Protein backbone atom coordinates (compact mmCIF):
# COMPACT_ATOMS: atom_id res chain seq x y z
CA MET A 1 32.41 -18.19 76.97
CA LEU A 2 33.85 -21.22 78.91
CA THR A 3 35.26 -21.01 82.36
CA CYS A 4 38.69 -22.29 82.96
CA LYS A 5 37.12 -25.27 84.81
CA GLU A 6 34.98 -26.22 81.87
CA ALA A 7 38.04 -25.90 79.55
CA SER A 8 40.15 -28.14 81.63
CA TYR A 9 37.12 -30.70 81.43
CA LEU A 10 37.07 -30.63 77.68
CA ALA A 11 40.91 -30.70 77.35
CA SER A 12 40.67 -34.07 79.44
CA LYS A 13 37.67 -35.22 77.39
CA LYS A 14 39.29 -34.31 74.20
CA LEU A 15 42.11 -36.99 74.97
CA ASP A 16 39.68 -39.78 75.00
CA LYS A 17 36.64 -38.64 72.73
CA ASN A 18 36.03 -36.43 69.80
CA LEU A 19 34.43 -33.15 70.91
CA SER A 20 31.23 -31.97 69.53
CA PHE A 21 31.54 -29.11 67.06
CA ARG A 22 30.34 -26.50 69.67
CA GLU A 23 32.70 -28.00 72.43
CA ASN A 24 35.61 -27.89 70.06
CA LEU A 25 34.91 -24.16 69.05
CA ASP A 26 34.29 -23.14 72.56
CA PHE A 27 37.55 -24.79 73.68
CA LYS A 28 39.51 -23.30 70.90
CA LEU A 29 38.15 -19.75 71.61
CA HIS A 30 38.88 -20.16 75.39
CA THR A 31 42.52 -21.49 74.85
CA LEU A 32 43.16 -18.69 72.45
CA MET A 33 42.57 -16.20 75.14
CA CYS A 34 43.67 -18.09 78.21
CA GLY A 35 47.41 -19.15 78.27
CA LEU A 36 46.96 -21.13 81.50
CA CYS A 37 44.40 -23.38 79.95
CA ARG A 38 46.36 -23.53 76.68
CA ARG A 39 49.41 -24.70 78.73
CA TYR A 40 47.30 -27.14 80.60
CA ALA A 41 45.84 -28.76 77.64
CA SER A 42 49.49 -29.05 76.15
CA GLU A 43 50.67 -30.71 79.42
CA ILE A 44 48.07 -33.24 79.79
CA SER A 45 48.37 -34.18 76.19
CA SER A 46 52.01 -34.64 76.53
CA LEU A 47 51.36 -36.69 79.83
CA HIS A 48 48.77 -38.76 78.08
CA THR A 49 51.25 -39.44 75.08
CA LEU A 50 53.82 -40.64 77.47
CA LEU A 51 51.38 -42.85 79.43
CA GLN A 52 50.34 -44.43 76.28
CA LYS A 53 53.79 -45.13 75.13
CA ALA A 54 54.60 -46.65 78.70
CA ARG A 55 51.54 -48.84 78.38
CA ALA A 56 52.45 -50.11 74.93
CA SER A 57 55.98 -50.83 75.99
CA ASN A 58 54.85 -52.86 78.85
CA SER A 59 56.72 -51.01 81.49
CA SER A 60 54.06 -51.59 83.83
CA THR A 61 56.13 -54.24 85.54
CA LEU A 62 57.74 -52.25 88.44
CA PRO A 63 59.82 -53.72 91.05
CA LYS A 64 58.01 -54.66 94.16
CA SER A 65 59.86 -51.84 96.12
CA VAL A 66 58.26 -49.18 93.82
CA LYS A 67 54.58 -50.51 94.20
CA LEU A 68 52.22 -49.42 96.75
CA SER A 69 51.37 -51.61 99.68
CA GLN A 70 47.71 -52.91 100.00
CA LYS A 71 47.33 -50.63 103.08
CA SER A 72 48.29 -47.74 101.01
CA ARG A 73 46.04 -48.43 98.12
CA HIS A 74 43.20 -48.91 100.67
CA LYS A 75 43.90 -45.43 102.26
CA ILE A 76 43.92 -43.91 98.84
CA LYS A 77 40.84 -45.58 97.69
CA GLN A 78 39.12 -44.54 101.03
CA ALA A 79 40.08 -40.89 100.53
CA ILE A 80 38.81 -40.84 96.86
CA ASP A 81 35.61 -42.42 97.92
CA GLU A 82 35.10 -39.83 100.65
CA ALA A 83 36.00 -36.99 98.38
CA THR A 84 33.41 -38.10 95.74
CA ASN A 85 30.70 -38.73 98.06
CA ALA A 86 31.20 -35.38 99.71
CA SER A 87 30.66 -33.69 96.25
CA ASP A 88 27.26 -35.55 95.69
């Protein structure tokens, strides 16, 4: 039986790739019994669809006032790098 963490990983993976037969079976069994994971999978699927539609409509051209500054981008990248290096 999958843990919720494993099920959430498979829910994300499922958006970009086909799951193996075993992964798909385990995921379906877990989400049959776990309402939280079933809801999570549904919500990220909806979000994924919305993002694909936004990309297709080329709505990535945001006004400059909405975009992050270089300083903010650098801070976010630094925080991500620190978080990923801490888990290694």
